[in-house]
Amino acid sequence: MSESASEPTELEAYRAAKDAFFRDEPDSPLLPSARRTFAGLAYYPEDPNLAFTVIPEPYDEIEVIEMGTSDGDVREYERWARFRFPVAGVEQSLTVFRDRDTGGLFLPFVDAGAGVEAYGAGRYVELPIEDGRLILDFNYAYHPFCAYNPGYSCPIPPAENRLSVHISAGQRLGADATH
């Protein structure tokens, strides 16, 4: 809970709901052995400096790419747009992919903390659009389900979405992840 109010912040409510899903729901990705001792996912403290409103730079031609998955399969996505944002005064850029079936936007990324403080294969962030701009809030970055259960097939972020900086926001490694 936030110190200034008795109501949880939007981020705190999101995290509590996610913990409840992992702990209580039958379709939780946690293995049965992990569910017995699950005390909640691990998160970095909220960092407002890692939340951005960015302008997407759509590609002239939408290219369909095959993204490898954690189980050796591939999934097709459209390379939709690129955007830029600063982290600690250094400009970064990432590619946004679009799901060919749903049209939803997908942002997989790997940062310098991967394998040490965050899941080694990367994290994902949802990207809402408001007035033609993308809302990029790394405080909502999360590990894919394959971090908890090898039975899931998760897209692995491509090389173009590997950052040289550490994004110390969102979900981090804890006792809940398998690796």
Protein backbone atom coordinates (compact mmCIF):
# COMPACT_ATOMS: atom_id res chain seq x y z
CA MET A 1 0.00 0.00 0.00
CA SER A 2 1.13 3.52 -0.61
CA GLU A 3 2.17 5.51 2.43
CA SER A 4 -0.03 8.50 1.59
CA ALA A 5 -3.35 6.71 1.16
CA SER A 6 -5.18 3.62 2.35
CA GLU A 7 -6.19 2.69 -1.20
CA PRO A 8 -3.60 0.80 -3.24
CA THR A 9 -2.10 2.50 -6.27
CA GLU A 10 -2.98 1.16 -9.72
CA LEU A 11 0.35 -0.67 -9.84
CA GLU A 12 -0.11 -2.15 -6.35
CA ALA A 13 -3.60 -3.38 -7.29
CA TYR A 14 -2.24 -4.91 -10.53
CA ARG A 15 0.51 -6.72 -8.64
CA ALA A 16 -1.90 -8.00 -5.96
CA ALA A 17 -4.27 -9.33 -8.64
CA LYS A 18 -1.38 -11.04 -10.43
CA ASP A 19 -0.22 -12.66 -7.18
CA ALA A 20 -3.78 -13.87 -6.52
CA PHE A 21 -3.97 -15.39 -10.01
CA PHE A 22 -0.67 -17.22 -9.55
CA ARG A 23 -1.66 -18.45 -6.07
CA ASP A 24 -5.36 -19.29 -6.51
CA GLU A 25 -6.36 -19.92 -10.11
CA PRO A 26 -6.42 -23.40 -11.66
CA ASP A 27 -4.68 -22.10 -14.81
CA SER A 28 -1.78 -20.56 -12.86
CA PRO A 29 1.54 -21.32 -14.55
CA LEU A 30 3.12 -22.36 -11.26
CA LEU A 31 4.00 -26.01 -10.83
CA PRO A 32 2.08 -27.69 -7.98
CA SER A 33 5.20 -27.83 -5.82
CA ALA A 34 5.74 -24.07 -6.22
CA ARG A 35 2.10 -23.23 -5.49
CA ARG A 36 2.35 -24.79 -2.02
CA THR A 37 5.03 -22.31 -0.94
CA PHE A 38 4.09 -19.33 -3.16
CA ALA A 39 4.33 -16.06 -1.21
CA GLY A 40 4.02 -13.64 -4.13
CA LEU A 41 6.00 -12.59 -7.17
CA ALA A 42 9.13 -10.46 -6.75
CA TYR A 43 9.06 -6.89 -8.05
CA TYR A 44 11.33 -3.88 -8.21
CA PRO A 45 10.01 -0.79 -6.41
CA GLU A 46 7.95 1.46 -8.68
CA ASP A 47 10.14 3.83 -10.70
CA PRO A 48 8.29 6.69 -12.43
CA ASN A 49 11.45 7.39 -14.47
CA LEU A 50 10.86 4.13 -16.35
CA ALA A 51 7.38 5.04 -17.61
CA PHE A 52 7.14 6.79 -20.99
CA THR A 53 4.71 7.97 -23.62
CA VAL A 54 6.44 7.27 -26.92
CA ILE A 55 5.68 7.92 -30.56
CA PRO A 56 5.84 4.77 -32.66
CA GLU A 57 7.80 4.99 -35.91
CA PRO A 58 5.97 2.44 -38.12
CA TYR A 59 8.02 0.51 -40.64
CA ASP A 60 7.36 1.41 -44.29
CA GLU A 61 6.69 -2.23 -45.06
CA ILE A 62 5.33 -4.64 -42.49
CA GLU A 63 7.60 -7.67 -42.43
CA VAL A 64 6.48 -11.02 -41.03
CA ILE A 65 9.19 -12.52 -38.86
CA GLU A 66 9.53 -15.85 -37.12
CA MET A 67 10.34 -15.47 -33.44
CA GLY A 68 11.89 -18.48 -31.74
CA THR A 69 10.20 -19.85 -28.63
CA SER A 70 11.42 -21.40 -25.39
CA ASP A 71 10.48 -24.92 -26.58
CA GLY A 72 12.28 -24.66 -29.94
CA ASP A 73 9.19 -23.80 -31.98
CA VAL A 74 8.58 -20.50 -33.82
CA ARG A 75 5.72 -17.99 -33.91
CA GLU A 76 5.02 -15.44 -36.60
CA TYR A 77 4.69 -11.76 -35.76
CA GLU A 78 4.62 -8.60 -37.82
CA ARG A 79 7.49 -6.18 -37.23
CA TRP A 80 5.23 -3.16 -36.72
CA ALA A 81 7.12 -0.10 -35.39
CA ARG A 82 10.22 1.10 -33.59
CA PHE A 83 10.34 3.72 -30.85
CA ARG A 84 12.96 5.55 -28.83
CA PHE A 85 13.17 6.42 -25.15
CA PRO A 86 15.89 7.55 -22.69
CA VAL A 87 17.22 5.50 -19.78
CA ALA A 88 19.71 7.25 -17.50
CA GLY A 89 20.36 9.82 -20.22
CA VAL A 90 21.12 7.22 -22.91
CA GLU A 91 18.74 6.84 -25.85
CA GLN A 92 17.41 3.32 -26.32
CA SER A 93 15.14 1.84 -28.97
CA LEU A 94 12.90 -1.21 -29.19
CA THR A 95 10.77 -2.85 -31.86
CA VAL A 96 7.07 -3.45 -31.32
CA PHE A 97 5.59 -6.57 -32.89
CA ARG A 98 1.97 -7.18 -33.82
CA ASP A 99 0.19 -10.49 -33.36
CA ARG A 100 -1.02 -11.60 -36.79
CA ASP A 101 -4.19 -13.19 -35.40
CA THR A 102 -5.37 -10.67 -32.80
CA GLY A 103 -3.69 -7.45 -33.98
CA GLY A 104 -2.40 -6.96 -30.41
CA LEU A 105 0.94 -5.30 -29.85
CA PHE A 106 3.76 -7.31 -28.30
CA LEU A 107 6.95 -5.96 -26.74
CA PRO A 108 9.45 -8.63 -25.70
CA PHE A 109 12.81 -7.37 -24.42
CA VAL A 110 16.01 -8.43 -22.69
CA ASP A 111 17.94 -5.95 -20.58
CA ALA A 112 21.35 -5.98 -18.89
CA GLY A 113 19.80 -7.48 -15.72
CA ALA A 114 18.55 -10.61 -17.52
CA GLY A 115 19.83 -13.81 -15.96
CA VAL A 116 20.95 -11.96 -12.83
CA GLU A 117 17.96 -9.98 -11.55
CA ALA A 118 15.32 -10.85 -14.17
CA TYR A 119 14.42 -13.96 -16.14
CA GLY A 120 17.31 -14.75 -18.48
CA ALA A 121 15.16 -15.18 -21.60
CA GLY A 122 13.60 -11.74 -21.14
CA ARG A 123 10.43 -10.00 -20.10
CA TYR A 124 7.34 -8.60 -21.81
CA VAL A 125 5.43 -5.32 -21.54
CA GLU A 126 1.90 -4.56 -22.70
CA LEU A 127 1.63 -1.38 -24.80
CA PRO A 128 -1.67 0.48 -24.70
CA ILE A 129 -2.16 3.14 -27.39
CA GLU A 130 -3.58 6.58 -26.56
CA ASP A 131 -3.93 9.26 -29.24
CA GLY A 132 -1.45 7.48 -31.53
CA ARG A 133 1.18 7.20 -28.80
CA LEU A 134 2.33 4.09 -26.98
CA ILE A 135 2.26 3.96 -23.20
CA LEU A 136 5.47 2.18 -22.18
CA ASP A 137 5.60 1.54 -18.45
CA PHE A 138 8.38 -0.83 -17.47
CA ASN A 139 6.89 -1.02 -13.95
CA TYR A 140 4.44 -3.48 -15.54
CA ALA A 141 7.17 -5.63 -17.18
CA TYR A 142 6.59 -9.30 -16.48
CA HIS A 143 8.18 -12.69 -16.91
CA PRO A 144 6.61 -15.06 -19.43
CA PHE A 145 4.91 -18.19 -18.08
CA CYS A 146 7.83 -20.38 -19.20
CA ALA A 147 9.84 -18.78 -16.35
CA TYR A 148 7.67 -20.85 -13.97
CA ASN A 149 6.78 -23.92 -15.97
CA PRO A 150 8.70 -25.55 -18.85
CA GLY A 151 5.38 -26.74 -20.30
CA TYR A 152 4.77 -23.27 -21.76
CA SER A 153 6.05 -22.09 -25.12
CA CYS A 154 7.15 -18.44 -24.89
CA PRO A 155 8.54 -16.17 -27.62
CA ILE A 156 12.18 -15.23 -27.06
CA PRO A 157 12.97 -11.55 -27.65
CA PRO A 158 14.90 -11.08 -30.91
CA ALA A 159 18.36 -9.47 -30.97
CA GLU A 160 16.93 -6.09 -31.96
CA ASN A 161 15.18 -5.94 -28.57
CA ARG A 162 18.23 -6.48 -26.40
CA LEU A 163 19.09 -3.43 -24.32
CA SER A 164 22.56 -2.64 -22.97
CA VAL A 165 21.02 -0.92 -19.92
CA HIS A 166 19.41 -2.47 -16.86
CA ILE A 167 15.66 -1.87 -16.55
CA SER A 168 15.20 -2.09 -12.79
CA ALA A 169 11.41 -1.96 -12.90
CA GLY A 170 8.63 -4.52 -13.07
CA GLN A 171 8.97 -8.15 -12.19
CA ARG A 172 12.30 -9.53 -11.02
CA LEU A 173 13.63 -12.94 -10.11
CA GLY A 174 12.46 -14.43 -6.86
CA ALA A 175 11.78 -17.84 -5.38
CA ASP A 176 8.79 -18.14 -7.75
CA ALA A 177 10.81 -18.55 -10.99
CA THR A 178 12.42 -21.80 -12.06
CA HIS A 179 15.41 -20.06 -13.73
